[in-house]
C-alpha cells in the first residue's frame, strides 16, 4: 500500500480514538454511497457529526485543514443527505474537521467543530 494511504489510515484511527475519548459514538467509518465518501459519522448529544480527517506529516505546505476545498464540502453535503435518507436519521447535523500532523513521537490533533463555517 502507498505510504500516503498508510498515513490516511493511521490518521483516521487516531481521529476515531480521539472522538471516542471525548464521548462520541462512532456510527460509520468510510461510509460510501455511489462515489461519495464520509470518513467518520459520529453521534454526540443528539447531533450527527460528519468528520473529515486530514493527516499530514508536517505543516510545511500548509495546515491539513487547508486542503479541504469547496468541491469536497459539496460532496460531503451530498453524502450526508444520502446517509440521512437511507438511514432515516433526523438529528441535527454538524460538520467537523480533525486535522492531524503526524510527527514522531507525538502527533498533534486539532478538532475543528462546525468547521465549514470557517471557510
PDB file of N, CA and C in Angstrom:
ATOM      1  N   UNK A   1       0.846  -1.176   0.000  1.00  0.00           N
ATOM      2  CA  UNK A   1       0.000   0.000   0.000  1.00  0.00           C
ATOM      3  C   UNK A   1       0.889   1.236   0.000  1.00  0.00           C
ATOM      4  N   UNK A   2       0.464   2.288  -0.682  1.00  0.00           N
ATOM      5  CA  UNK A   2       1.242   3.514  -0.766  1.00  0.00           C
ATOM      6  C   UNK A   2       1.349   4.164   0.607  1.00  0.00           C
ATOM      7  N   UNK A   3       2.469   4.856   0.816  1.00  0.00           N
ATOM      8  CA  UNK A   3       2.735   5.466   2.111  1.00  0.00           C
ATOM      9  C   UNK A   3       1.661   6.481   2.503  1.00  0.00           C
ATOM     10  N   UNK A   4       1.154   7.258   1.523  1.00  0.00           N
ATOM     11  CA  UNK A   4       0.112   8.238   1.854  1.00  0.00           C
ATOM     12  C   UNK A   4      -1.186   7.562   2.278  1.00  0.00           C
ATOM     13  N   UNK A   5      -1.458   6.359   1.737  1.00  0.00           N
ATOM     14  CA  UNK A   5      -2.639   5.604   2.182  1.00  0.00           C
ATOM     15  C   UNK A   5      -2.471   5.145   3.617  1.00  0.00           C
ATOM     16  N   UNK A   6      -1.271   4.684   3.963  1.00  0.00           N
ATOM     17  CA  UNK A   6      -0.989   4.275   5.335  1.00  0.00           C
ATOM     18  C   UNK A   6      -1.171   5.449   6.294  1.00  0.00           C
ATOM     19  N   UNK A   7      -0.706   6.625   5.881  1.00  0.00           N
ATOM     20  CA  UNK A   7      -0.844   7.815   6.715  1.00  0.00           C
ATOM     21  C   UNK A   7      -2.322   8.154   6.914  1.00  0.00           C
ATOM     22  N   UNK A   8      -3.112   8.039   5.867  1.00  0.00           N
ATOM     23  CA  UNK A   8      -4.544   8.309   5.973  1.00  0.00           C
ATOM     24  C   UNK A   8      -5.245   7.342   6.906  1.00  0.00           C
ATOM     25  N   UNK A   9      -4.898   6.068   6.808  1.00  0.00           N
ATOM     26  CA  UNK A   9      -5.491   5.050   7.687  1.00  0.00           C
ATOM     27  C   UNK A   9      -5.116   5.319   9.140  1.00  0.00           C
ATOM     28  N   UNK A  10      -3.844   5.643   9.378  1.00  0.00           N
ATOM     29  CA  UNK A  10      -3.392   5.970  10.730  1.00  0.00           C
ATOM     30  C   UNK A  10      -4.139   7.187  11.263  1.00  0.00           C
ATOM     31  N   UNK A  11      -4.265   8.219  10.426  1.00  0.00           N
ATOM     32  CA  UNK A  11      -4.963   9.432  10.842  1.00  0.00           C
ATOM     33  C   UNK A  11      -6.407   9.170  11.212  1.00  0.00           C
ATOM     34  N   UNK A  12      -7.079   8.362  10.414  1.00  0.00           N
ATOM     35  CA  UNK A  12      -8.483   8.054  10.718  1.00  0.00           C
ATOM     36  C   UNK A  12      -8.610   7.274  12.022  1.00  0.00           C
ATOM     37  N   UNK A  13      -7.680   6.369  12.290  1.00  0.00           N
ATOM     38  CA  UNK A  13      -7.732   5.630  13.553  1.00  0.00           C
ATOM     39  C   UNK A  13      -7.463   6.562  14.735  1.00  0.00           C
ATOM     40  N   UNK A  14      -6.486   7.461  14.587  1.00  0.00           N
ATOM     41  CA  UNK A  14      -6.227   8.444  15.643  1.00  0.00           C
ATOM     42  C   UNK A  14      -7.463   9.305  15.894  1.00  0.00           C
ATOM     43  N   UNK A  15      -8.145   9.695  14.812  1.00  0.00           N
ATOM     44  CA  UNK A  15      -9.348  10.519  14.933  1.00  0.00           C
ATOM     45  C   UNK A  15     -10.463   9.764  15.651  1.00  0.00           C
ATOM     46  N   UNK A  16     -10.669   8.503  15.289  1.00  0.00           N
ATOM     47  CA  UNK A  16     -11.700   7.691  15.946  1.00  0.00           C
ATOM     48  C   UNK A  16     -11.393   7.565  17.437  1.00  0.00           C
ATOM     49  N   UNK A  17     -10.156   7.240  17.770  1.00  0.00           N
ATOM     50  CA  UNK A  17      -9.776   7.108  19.185  1.00  0.00           C
ATOM     51  C   UNK A  17     -10.000   8.414  19.940  1.00  0.00           C
ATOM     52  N   UNK A  18      -9.630   9.521  19.314  1.00  0.00           N
ATOM     53  CA  UNK A  18      -9.799  10.854  19.901  1.00  0.00           C
ATOM     54  C   UNK A  18     -11.280  11.140  20.167  1.00  0.00           C
ATOM     55  N   UNK A  19     -12.125  10.872  19.175  1.00  0.00           N
ATOM     56  CA  UNK A  19     -13.560  11.126  19.323  1.00  0.00           C
ATOM     57  C   UNK A  19     -14.179  10.259  20.412  1.00  0.00           C
ATOM     58  N   UNK A  20     -13.810   8.995  20.444  1.00  0.00           N
ATOM     59  CA  UNK A  20     -14.336   8.093  21.476  1.00  0.00           C
ATOM     60  C   UNK A  20     -13.963   8.602  22.861  1.00  0.00           C
ATOM     61  N   UNK A  21     -12.729   9.058  23.013  1.00  0.00           N
ATOM     62  CA  UNK A  21     -12.290   9.599  24.313  1.00  0.00           C
ATOM     63  C   UNK A  21     -13.108  10.828  24.714  1.00  0.00           C
ATOM     64  N   UNK A  22     -13.620  11.572  23.737  1.00  0.00           N
ATOM     65  CA  UNK A  22     -14.429  12.753  24.012  1.00  0.00           C
ATOM     66  C   UNK A  22     -15.912  12.421  24.173  1.00  0.00           C
ATOM     67  N   UNK A  23     -16.268  11.138  24.096  1.00  0.00           N
ATOM     68  CA  UNK A  23     -17.647  10.726  24.330  1.00  0.00           C
ATOM     69  C   UNK A  23     -18.505  10.546  23.094  1.00  0.00           C
ATOM     70  N   UNK A  24     -17.910  10.621  21.914  1.00  0.00           N
ATOM     71  CA  UNK A  24     -18.656  10.413  20.683  1.00  0.00           C
ATOM     72  C   UNK A  24     -18.912   8.921  20.473  1.00  0.00           C
ATOM     73  N   UNK A  25     -20.029   8.610  19.855  1.00  0.00           N
ATOM     74  CA  UNK A  25     -20.336   7.248  19.432  1.00  0.00           C
ATOM     75  C   UNK A  25     -20.073   7.198  17.935  1.00  0.00           C
ATOM     76  N   UNK A  26     -19.211   6.305  17.507  1.00  0.00           N
ATOM     77  CA  UNK A  26     -18.873   6.183  16.093  1.00  0.00           C
ATOM     78  C   UNK A  26     -19.928   5.306  15.424  1.00  0.00           C
ATOM     79  N   UNK A  27     -20.640   5.882  14.457  1.00  0.00           N
ATOM     80  CA  UNK A  27     -21.678   5.142  13.735  1.00  0.00           C
ATOM     81  C   UNK A  27     -21.128   4.502  12.464  1.00  0.00           C
ATOM     82  N   UNK A  28     -20.251   5.207  11.778  1.00  0.00           N
ATOM     83  CA  UNK A  28     -19.721   4.721  10.499  1.00  0.00           C
ATOM     84  C   UNK A  28     -18.285   5.188  10.318  1.00  0.00           C
ATOM     85  N   UNK A  29     -17.516   4.357   9.627  1.00  0.00           N
ATOM     86  CA  UNK A  29     -16.182   4.734   9.158  1.00  0.00           C
ATOM     87  C   UNK A  29     -16.140   4.478   7.666  1.00  0.00           C
ATOM     88  N   UNK A  30     -15.633   5.447   6.920  1.00  0.00           N
ATOM     89  CA  UNK A  30     -15.526   5.337   5.466  1.00  0.00           C
ATOM     90  C   UNK A  30     -16.854   4.937   4.833  1.00  0.00           C
ATOM     91  N   UNK A  31     -17.912   5.644   5.215  1.00  0.00           N
ATOM     92  CA  UNK A  31     -19.237   5.361   4.669  1.00  0.00           C
ATOM     93  C   UNK A  31     -19.286   5.825   3.224  1.00  0.00           C
ATOM     94  N   UNK A  32     -19.761   4.954   2.351  1.00  0.00           N
ATOM     95  CA  UNK A  32     -19.798   5.252   0.917  1.00  0.00           C
ATOM     96  C   UNK A  32     -21.209   5.138   0.370  1.00  0.00           C
ATOM     97  N   UNK A  33     -21.477   6.042  -0.569  1.00  0.00           N
ATOM     98  CA  UNK A  33     -22.714   5.998  -1.336  1.00  0.00           C
ATOM     99  C   UNK A  33     -22.346   6.452  -2.738  1.00  0.00           C
ATOM    100  N   UNK A  34     -22.465   5.524  -3.672  1.00  0.00           N
ATOM    101  CA  UNK A  34     -22.020   5.769  -5.042  1.00  0.00           C
ATOM    102  C   UNK A  34     -20.562   6.205  -5.007  1.00  0.00           C
ATOM    103  N   UNK A  35     -20.247   7.398  -5.508  1.00  0.00           N
ATOM    104  CA  UNK A  35     -18.853   7.859  -5.496  1.00  0.00           C
ATOM    105  C   UNK A  35     -18.553   8.806  -4.339  1.00  0.00           C
ATOM    106  N   UNK A  36     -19.465   8.888  -3.393  1.00  0.00           N
ATOM    107  CA  UNK A  36     -19.311   9.783  -2.257  1.00  0.00           C
ATOM    108  C   UNK A  36     -18.786   9.018  -1.053  1.00  0.00           C
ATOM    109  N   UNK A  37     -18.017   9.697  -0.203  1.00  0.00           N
ATOM    110  CA  UNK A  37     -17.490   9.051   0.997  1.00  0.00           C
ATOM    111  C   UNK A  37     -17.418  10.044   2.141  1.00  0.00           C
ATOM    112  N   UNK A  38     -17.733   9.542   3.327  1.00  0.00           N
ATOM    113  CA  UNK A  38     -17.564  10.296   4.567  1.00  0.00           C
ATOM    114  C   UNK A  38     -16.590   9.505   5.430  1.00  0.00           C
ATOM    115  N   UNK A  39     -15.533  10.171   5.916  1.00  0.00           N
ATOM    116  CA  UNK A  39     -14.522   9.481   6.720  1.00  0.00           C
ATOM    117  C   UNK A  39     -15.131   8.881   7.985  1.00  0.00           C
ATOM    118  N   UNK A  40     -15.808   9.722   8.762  1.00  0.00           N
ATOM    119  CA  UNK A  40     -16.396   9.270  10.028  1.00  0.00           C
ATOM    120  C   UNK A  40     -17.759   9.935  10.194  1.00  0.00           C
ATOM    121  N   UNK A  41     -18.733   9.139  10.614  1.00  0.00           N
ATOM    122  CA  UNK A  41     -20.027   9.674  11.046  1.00  0.00           C
ATOM    123  C   UNK A  41     -20.167   9.284  12.509  1.00  0.00           C
ATOM    124  N   UNK A  42     -20.356  10.288  13.353  1.00  0.00           N
ATOM    125  CA  UNK A  42     -20.425  10.056  14.788  1.00  0.00           C
ATOM    126  C   UNK A  42     -21.668  10.730  15.356  1.00  0.00           C
ATOM    127  N   UNK A  43     -21.975  10.374  16.584  1.00  0.00           N
ATOM    128  CA  UNK A  43     -23.134  10.926  17.268  1.00  0.00           C
ATOM    129  C   UNK A  43     -22.709  11.421  18.642  1.00  0.00           C
ATOM    130  N   UNK A  44     -23.126  12.651  18.961  1.00  0.00           N
ATOM    131  CA  UNK A  44     -22.927  13.181  20.308  1.00  0.00           C
ATOM    132  C   UNK A  44     -24.046  14.179  20.605  1.00  0.00           C
ATOM    133  N   UNK A  45     -24.632  14.060  21.782  1.00  0.00           N
ATOM    134  CA  UNK A  45     -25.683  14.992  22.217  1.00  0.00           C
ATOM    135  C   UNK A  45     -26.760  15.192  21.165  1.00  0.00           C
ATOM    136  N   UNK A  46     -27.243  14.109  20.601  1.00  0.00           N
ATOM    137  CA  UNK A  46     -28.297  14.138  19.586  1.00  0.00           C
ATOM    138  C   UNK A  46     -27.907  14.946  18.344  1.00  0.00           C
ATOM    139  N   UNK A  47     -26.618  14.997  18.057  1.00  0.00           N
ATOM    140  CA  UNK A  47     -26.113  15.654  16.862  1.00  0.00           C
ATOM    141  C   UNK A  47     -25.338  14.639  16.039  1.00  0.00           C
ATOM    142  N   UNK A  48     -25.683  14.548  14.777  1.00  0.00           N
ATOM    143  CA  UNK A  48     -24.969  13.704  13.832  1.00  0.00           C
ATOM    144  C   UNK A  48     -23.777  14.508  13.326  1.00  0.00           C
ATOM    145  N   UNK A  49     -22.581  13.982  13.529  1.00  0.00           N
ATOM    146  CA  UNK A  49     -21.369  14.728  13.200  1.00  0.00           C
ATOM    147  C   UNK A  49     -20.661  14.057  12.030  1.00  0.00           C
ATOM    148  N   UNK A  50     -20.489  14.818  10.961  1.00  0.00           N
ATOM    149  CA  UNK A  50     -19.745  14.382   9.778  1.00  0.00           C
ATOM    150  C   UNK A  50     -18.313  14.858   9.991  1.00  0.00           C
ATOM    151  N   UNK A  51     -17.375  13.922  10.011  1.00  0.00           N
ATOM    152  CA  UNK A  51     -15.990  14.275  10.302  1.00  0.00           C
ATOM    153  C   UNK A  51     -15.114  13.982   9.089  1.00  0.00           C
ATOM    154  N   UNK A  52     -14.457  15.013   8.623  1.00  0.00           N
ATOM    155  CA  UNK A  52     -13.448  14.875   7.573  1.00  0.00           C
ATOM    156  C   UNK A  52     -12.093  14.880   8.267  1.00  0.00           C
ATOM    157  N   UNK A  53     -11.286  13.858   8.005  1.00  0.00           N
ATOM    158  CA  UNK A  53      -9.978  13.721   8.636  1.00  0.00           C
ATOM    159  C   UNK A  53      -8.912  14.071   7.610  1.00  0.00           C
ATOM    160  N   UNK A  54      -8.008  14.961   7.994  1.00  0.00           N
ATOM    161  CA  UNK A  54      -6.877  15.320   7.142  1.00  0.00           C
ATOM    162  C   UNK A  54      -5.605  15.113   7.944  1.00  0.00           C
ATOM    163  N   UNK A  55      -4.703  14.310   7.396  1.00  0.00           N
ATOM    164  CA  UNK A  55      -3.467  13.977   8.094  1.00  0.00           C
ATOM    165  C   UNK A  55      -2.284  14.349   7.210  1.00  0.00           C
ATOM    166  N   UNK A  56      -1.305  14.996   7.807  1.00  0.00           N
ATOM    167  CA  UNK A  56      -0.065  15.351   7.120  1.00  0.00           C
ATOM    168  C   UNK A  56       1.100  14.998   8.038  1.00  0.00           C
ATOM    169  N   UNK A  57       2.279  14.888   7.451  1.00  0.00           N
ATOM    170  CA  UNK A  57       3.469  14.617   8.264  1.00  0.00           C
ATOM    171  C   UNK A  57       4.096  15.901   8.792  1.00  0.00           C
ATOM    172  N   UNK A  58       3.741  17.036   8.196  1.00  0.00           N
ATOM    173  CA  UNK A  58       4.217  18.330   8.684  1.00  0.00           C
ATOM    174  C   UNK A  58       3.267  19.408   8.181  1.00  0.00           C
ATOM    175  N   UNK A  59       3.473  20.609   8.688  1.00  0.00           N
ATOM    176  CA  UNK A  59       2.666  21.735   8.216  1.00  0.00           C
ATOM    177  C   UNK A  59       3.463  22.587   7.232  1.00  0.00           C
ATOM    178  N   UNK A  60       4.534  22.034   6.704  1.00  0.00           N
ATOM    179  CA  UNK A  60       5.417  22.770   5.804  1.00  0.00           C
ATOM    180  C   UNK A  60       4.736  23.306   4.560  1.00  0.00           C
ATOM    181  N   UNK A  61       3.717  22.629   4.083  1.00  0.00           N
ATOM    182  CA  UNK A  61       2.989  23.081   2.896  1.00  0.00           C
ATOM    183  C   UNK A  61       1.615  23.644   3.249  1.00  0.00           C
ATOM    184  N   UNK A  62       1.358  23.832   4.537  1.00  0.00           N
ATOM    185  CA  UNK A  62       0.074  24.353   4.994  1.00  0.00           C
ATOM    186  C   UNK A  62      -0.542  23.414   6.011  1.00  0.00           C
ATOM    187  N   UNK A  63      -1.516  23.918   6.716  1.00  0.00           N
ATOM    188  CA  UNK A  63      -2.228  23.116   7.716  1.00  0.00           C
ATOM    189  C   UNK A  63      -3.113  22.089   7.022  1.00  0.00           C
ATOM    190  N   UNK A  64      -3.306  20.943   7.639  1.00  0.00           N
ATOM    191  CA  UNK A  64      -4.113  19.893   6.999  1.00  0.00           C
ATOM    192  C   UNK A  64      -5.493  20.382   6.548  1.00  0.00           C
ATOM    193  N   UNK A  65      -6.150  21.166   7.384  1.00  0.00           N
ATOM    194  CA  UNK A  65      -7.498  21.606   7.059  1.00  0.00           C
ATOM    195  C   UNK A  65      -7.544  22.534   5.838  1.00  0.00           C
ATOM    196  N   UNK A  66      -6.419  23.121   5.477  1.00  0.00           N
ATOM    197  CA  UNK A  66      -6.381  23.999   4.308  1.00  0.00           C
ATOM    198  C   UNK A  66      -6.502  23.232   2.993  1.00  0.00           C
ATOM    199  N   UNK A  67      -6.418  21.920   3.055  1.00  0.00           N
ATOM    200  CA  UNK A  67      -6.501  21.094   1.854  1.00  0.00           C
ATOM    201  C   UNK A  67      -7.939  20.675   1.534  1.00  0.00           C
ATOM    202  N   UNK A  68      -8.906  21.150   2.300  1.00  0.00           N
ATOM    203  CA  UNK A  68     -10.311  20.840   2.033  1.00  0.00           C
ATOM    204  C   UNK A  68     -10.887  21.972   1.193  1.00  0.00           C
ATOM    205  N   UNK A  69     -11.277  21.638   0.000  1.00  0.00           N
ATOM    206  CA  UNK A  69     -11.780  22.629  -0.956  1.00  0.00           C
ATOM    207  C   UNK A  69     -13.309  22.597  -0.985  1.00  0.00           C
ATOM    208  N   UNK A  70     -13.891  23.610  -1.620  1.00  0.00           N
ATOM    209  CA  UNK A  70     -15.353  23.704  -1.701  1.00  0.00           C
ATOM    210  C   UNK A  70     -15.959  22.487  -2.391  1.00  0.00           C
ATOM    211  N   UNK A  71     -15.275  21.930  -3.366  1.00  0.00           N
ATOM    212  CA  UNK A  71     -15.809  20.739  -4.045  1.00  0.00           C
ATOM    213  C   UNK A  71     -15.938  19.571  -3.064  1.00  0.00           C
ATOM    214  N   UNK A  72     -14.988  19.436  -2.145  1.00  0.00           N
ATOM    215  CA  UNK A  72     -15.059  18.379  -1.129  1.00  0.00           C
ATOM    216  C   UNK A  72     -16.231  18.636  -0.185  1.00  0.00           C
ATOM    217  N   UNK A  73     -16.413  19.874   0.199  1.00  0.00           N
ATOM    218  CA  UNK A  73     -17.525  20.227   1.071  1.00  0.00           C
ATOM    219  C   UNK A  73     -18.848  19.883   0.397  1.00  0.00           C
ATOM    220  N   UNK A  74     -18.964  20.204  -0.881  1.00  0.00           N
ATOM    221  CA  UNK A  74     -20.190  19.879  -1.618  1.00  0.00           C
ATOM    222  C   UNK A  74     -20.436  18.374  -1.671  1.00  0.00           C
ATOM    223  N   UNK A  75     -19.372  17.583  -1.869  1.00  0.00           N
ATOM    224  CA  UNK A  75     -19.529  16.125  -1.890  1.00  0.00           C
ATOM    225  C   UNK A  75     -19.948  15.604  -0.516  1.00  0.00           C
ATOM    226  N   UNK A  76     -19.415  16.179   0.560  1.00  0.00           N
ATOM    227  CA  UNK A  76     -19.810  15.766   1.908  1.00  0.00           C
ATOM    228  C   UNK A  76     -21.281  16.102   2.170  1.00  0.00           C
ATOM    229  N   UNK A  77     -21.733  17.251   1.689  1.00  0.00           N
ATOM    230  CA  UNK A  77     -23.146  17.614   1.831  1.00  0.00           C
ATOM    231  C   UNK A  77     -24.042  16.614   1.104  1.00  0.00           C
ATOM    232  N   UNK A  78     -23.663  16.254  -0.096  1.00  0.00           N
ATOM    233  CA  UNK A  78     -24.432  15.258  -0.857  1.00  0.00           C
ATOM    234  C   UNK A  78     -24.424  13.911  -0.135  1.00  0.00           C
ATOM    235  N   UNK A  79     -23.260  13.538   0.375  1.00  0.00           N
ATOM    236  CA  UNK A  79     -23.130  12.239   1.040  1.00  0.00           C
ATOM    237  C   UNK A  79     -23.991  12.164   2.297  1.00  0.00           C
ATOM    238  N   UNK A  80     -23.947  13.202   3.129  1.00  0.00           N
ATOM    239  CA  UNK A  80     -24.730  13.125   4.368  1.00  0.00           C
ATOM    240  C   UNK A  80     -26.217  13.192   4.067  1.00  0.00           C
ATOM    241  N   UNK A  81     -26.607  13.910   3.027  1.00  0.00           N
ATOM    242  CA  UNK A  81     -28.023  13.890   2.635  1.00  0.00           C
ATOM    243  C   UNK A  81     -28.453  12.476   2.272  1.00  0.00           C
ATOM    244  N   UNK A  82     -27.615  11.755   1.549  1.00  0.00           N
ATOM    245  CA  UNK A  82     -27.919  10.360   1.201  1.00  0.00           C
ATOM    246  C   UNK A  82     -27.956   9.490   2.443  1.00  0.00           C
ATOM    247  N   UNK A  83     -26.998   9.672   3.346  1.00  0.00           N
ATOM    248  CA  UNK A  83     -26.948   8.884   4.574  1.00  0.00           C
ATOM    249  C   UNK A  83     -28.230   9.080   5.392  1.00  0.00           C
ATOM    250  N   UNK A  84     -28.642  10.332   5.540  1.00  0.00           N
ATOM    251  CA  UNK A  84     -29.841  10.634   6.326  1.00  0.00           C
ATOM    252  C   UNK A  84     -31.068   9.970   5.714  1.00  0.00           C
ATOM    253  N   UNK A  85     -31.187  10.028   4.391  1.00  0.00           N
ATOM    254  CA  UNK A  85     -32.337   9.415   3.726  1.00  0.00           C
ATOM    255  C   UNK A  85     -32.314   7.891   3.836  1.00  0.00           C
ATOM    256  N   UNK A  86     -31.170   7.294   3.576  1.00  0.00           N
ATOM    257  CA  UNK A  86     -31.044   5.836   3.594  1.00  0.00           C
ATOM    258  C   UNK A  86     -31.270   5.277   4.998  1.00  0.00           C
ATOM    259  N   UNK A  87     -30.801   6.006   6.016  1.00  0.00           N
ATOM    260  CA  UNK A  87     -30.846   5.508   7.391  1.00  0.00           C
ATOM    261  C   UNK A  87     -31.936   6.141   8.244  1.00  0.00           C
ATOM    262  N   UNK A  88     -32.785   6.952   7.623  1.00  0.00           N
ATOM    263  CA  UNK A  88     -33.929   7.565   8.313  1.00  0.00           C
ATOM    264  C   UNK A  88     -33.498   8.278   9.597  1.00  0.00           C
ATOM    265  N   UNK A  89     -32.482   9.136   9.475  1.00  0.00           N
ATOM    266  CA  UNK A  89     -31.974   9.891  10.625  1.00  0.00           C
ATOM    267  C   UNK A  89     -32.655  11.245  10.678  1.00  0.00           C
ATOM    268  N   UNK A  90     -32.803  11.801  11.886  1.00  0.00           N
ATOM    269  CA  UNK A  90     -33.433  13.118  11.996  1.00  0.00           C
ATOM    270  C   UNK A  90     -32.717  14.034  12.994  1.00  0.00           C
ATOM    271  N   UNK A  91     -31.478  13.715  13.335  1.00  0.00           N
ATOM    272  CA  UNK A  91     -30.724  14.561  14.263  1.00  0.00           C
ATOM    273  C   UNK A  91     -30.243  15.843  13.563  1.00  0.00           C
ATOM    274  N   UNK A  92     -29.832  16.796  14.379  1.00  0.00           N
ATOM    275  CA  UNK A  92     -29.107  17.956  13.862  1.00  0.00           C
ATOM    276  C   UNK A  92     -27.817  17.444  13.231  1.00  0.00           C
ATOM    277  N   UNK A  93     -27.293  18.157  12.252  1.00  0.00           N
ATOM    278  CA  UNK A  93     -26.065  17.734  11.570  1.00  0.00           C
ATOM    279  C   UNK A  93     -25.012  18.813  11.732  1.00  0.00           C
ATOM    280  N   UNK A  94     -23.798  18.369  12.011  1.00  0.00           N
ATOM    281  CA  UNK A  94     -22.661  19.274  12.153  1.00  0.00           C
ATOM    282  C   UNK A  94     -21.493  18.713  11.350  1.00  0.00           C
ATOM    283  N   UNK A  95     -20.693  19.582  10.785  1.00  0.00           N
ATOM    284  CA  UNK A  95     -19.532  19.176  10.003  1.00  0.00           C
ATOM    285  C   UNK A  95     -18.261  19.592  10.734  1.00  0.00           C
ATOM    286  N   UNK A  96     -17.437  18.607  11.070  1.00  0.00           N
ATOM    287  CA  UNK A  96     -16.182  18.853  11.774  1.00  0.00           C
ATOM    288  C   UNK A  96     -15.004  18.422  10.913  1.00  0.00           C
ATOM    289  N   UNK A  97     -13.853  18.977  11.248  1.00  0.00           N
ATOM    290  CA  UNK A  97     -12.591  18.525  10.661  1.00  0.00           C
ATOM    291  C   UNK A  97     -11.688  18.110  11.811  1.00  0.00           C
ATOM    292  N   UNK A  98     -11.035  16.983  11.637  1.00  0.00           N
ATOM    293  CA  UNK A  98      -9.950  16.622  12.539  1.00  0.00           C
ATOM    294  C   UNK A  98      -8.676  16.694  11.714  1.00  0.00           C
ATOM    295  N   UNK A  99      -7.812  17.642  12.108  1.00  0.00           N
ATOM    296  CA  UNK A  99      -6.552  17.882  11.419  1.00  0.00           C
ATOM    297  C   UNK A  99      -5.420  17.288  12.260  1.00  0.00           C
ATOM    298  N   UNK A 100      -4.639  16.426  11.625  1.00  0.00           N
ATOM    299  CA  UNK A 100      -3.580  15.720  12.347  1.00  0.00           C
ATOM    300  C   UNK A 100      -2.253  15.990  11.665  1.00  0.00           C
ATOM    301  N   UNK A 101      -1.272  16.361  12.465  1.00  0.00           N
ATOM    302  CA  UNK A 101       0.101  16.427  11.981  1.00  0.00           C
ATOM    303  C   UNK A 101       0.835  15.311  12.705  1.00  0.00           C
ATOM    304  N   UNK A 102       1.232  14.310  11.932  1.00  0.00           N
ATOM    305  CA  UNK A 102       1.810  13.095  12.499  1.00  0.00           C
ATOM    306  C   UNK A 102       3.335  13.190  12.528  1.00  0.00           C
ATOM    307  N   UNK A 103       3.836  13.902  13.523  1.00  0.00           N
ATOM    308  CA  UNK A 103       5.277  13.997  13.729  1.00  0.00           C
ATOM    309  C   UNK A 103       5.641  13.176  14.955  1.00  0.00           C
ATOM    310  N   UNK A 104       6.616  12.280  14.775  1.00  0.00           N
ATOM    311  CA  UNK A 104       7.027  11.424  15.879  1.00  0.00           C
ATOM    312  C   UNK A 104       7.656  12.283  16.982  1.00  0.00           C
ATOM    313  N   UNK A 105       7.502  11.924  18.218  1.00  0.00           N
ATOM    314  CA  UNK A 105       6.791  10.747  18.696  1.00  0.00           C
ATOM    315  C   UNK A 105       5.317  11.010  18.999  1.00  0.00           C
ATOM    316  N   UNK A 106       4.906  12.289  18.981  1.00  0.00           N
ATOM    317  CA  UNK A 106       3.525  12.599  19.368  1.00  0.00           C
ATOM    318  C   UNK A 106       2.812  13.386  18.275  1.00  0.00           C
ATOM    319  N   UNK A 107       1.816  12.785  17.649  1.00  0.00           N
ATOM    320  CA  UNK A 107       1.034  13.536  16.658  1.00  0.00           C
ATOM    321  C   UNK A 107       0.205  14.620  17.349  1.00  0.00           C
ATOM    322  N   UNK A 108      -0.032  15.710  16.632  1.00  0.00           N
ATOM    323  CA  UNK A 108      -0.923  16.746  17.150  1.00  0.00           C
ATOM    324  C   UNK A 108      -2.277  16.599  16.465  1.00  0.00           C
ATOM    325  N   UNK A 109      -3.316  16.722  17.263  1.00  0.00           N
ATOM    326  CA  UNK A 109      -4.681  16.565  16.757  1.00  0.00           C
ATOM    327  C   UNK A 109      -5.441  17.845  17.081  1.00  0.00           C
ATOM    328  N   UNK A 110      -6.019  18.442  16.039  1.00  0.00           N
ATOM    329  CA  UNK A 110      -6.852  19.622  16.216  1.00  0.00           C
ATOM    330  C   UNK A 110      -8.256  19.284  15.742  1.00  0.00           C
ATOM    331  N   UNK A 111      -9.232  19.507  16.614  1.00  0.00           N
ATOM    332  CA  UNK A 111     -10.630  19.209  16.302  1.00  0.00           C
ATOM    333  C   UNK A 111     -11.340  20.530  16.054  1.00  0.00           C
ATOM    334  N   UNK A 112     -11.759  20.739  14.825  1.00  0.00           N
ATOM    335  CA  UNK A 112     -12.466  21.952  14.437  1.00  0.00           C
ATOM    336  C   UNK A 112     -13.949  21.638  14.314  1.00  0.00           C
ATOM    337  N   UNK A 113     -14.728  22.063  15.309  1.00  0.00           N
ATOM    338  CA  UNK A 113     -16.171  21.826  15.290  1.00  0.00           C
ATOM    339  C   UNK A 113     -16.842  22.890  14.423  1.00  0.00           C
ATOM    340  N   UNK A 114     -17.939  22.519  13.766  1.00  0.00           N
ATOM    341  CA  UNK A 114     -18.626  23.433  12.845  1.00  0.00           C
ATOM    342  C   UNK A 114     -17.636  24.050  11.869  1.00  0.00           C
ATOM    343  N   UNK A 115     -16.762  23.229  11.361  1.00  0.00           N
ATOM    344  CA  UNK A 115     -15.607  23.699  10.592  1.00  0.00           C
ATOM    345  C   UNK A 115     -15.971  24.419   9.308  1.00  0.00           C
ATOM    346  N   UNK A 116     -17.049  24.060   8.677  1.00  0.00           N
ATOM    347  CA  UNK A 116     -17.338  24.657   7.372  1.00  0.00           C
ATOM    348  C   UNK A 116     -17.782  26.106   7.476  1.00  0.00           C
ATOM    349  N   UNK A 117     -18.095  26.560   8.668  1.00  0.00           N
ATOM    350  CA  UNK A 117     -18.400  27.972   8.848  1.00  0.00           C
ATOM    351  C   UNK A 117     -17.140  28.815   8.792  1.00  0.00           C
ATOM    352  N   UNK A 118     -15.971  28.151   8.857  1.00  0.00           N
ATOM    353  CA  UNK A 118     -14.684  28.856   8.821  1.00  0.00           C
ATOM    354  C   UNK A 118     -14.177  29.033   7.403  1.00  0.00           C
ATOM    355  N   UNK A 119     -14.864  28.465   6.408  1.00  0.00           N
ATOM    356  CA  UNK A 119     -14.386  28.541   5.023  1.00  0.00           C
ATOM    357  C   UNK A 119     -14.958  29.749   4.334  1.00  0.00           C
TER     358      UNK A 119
END
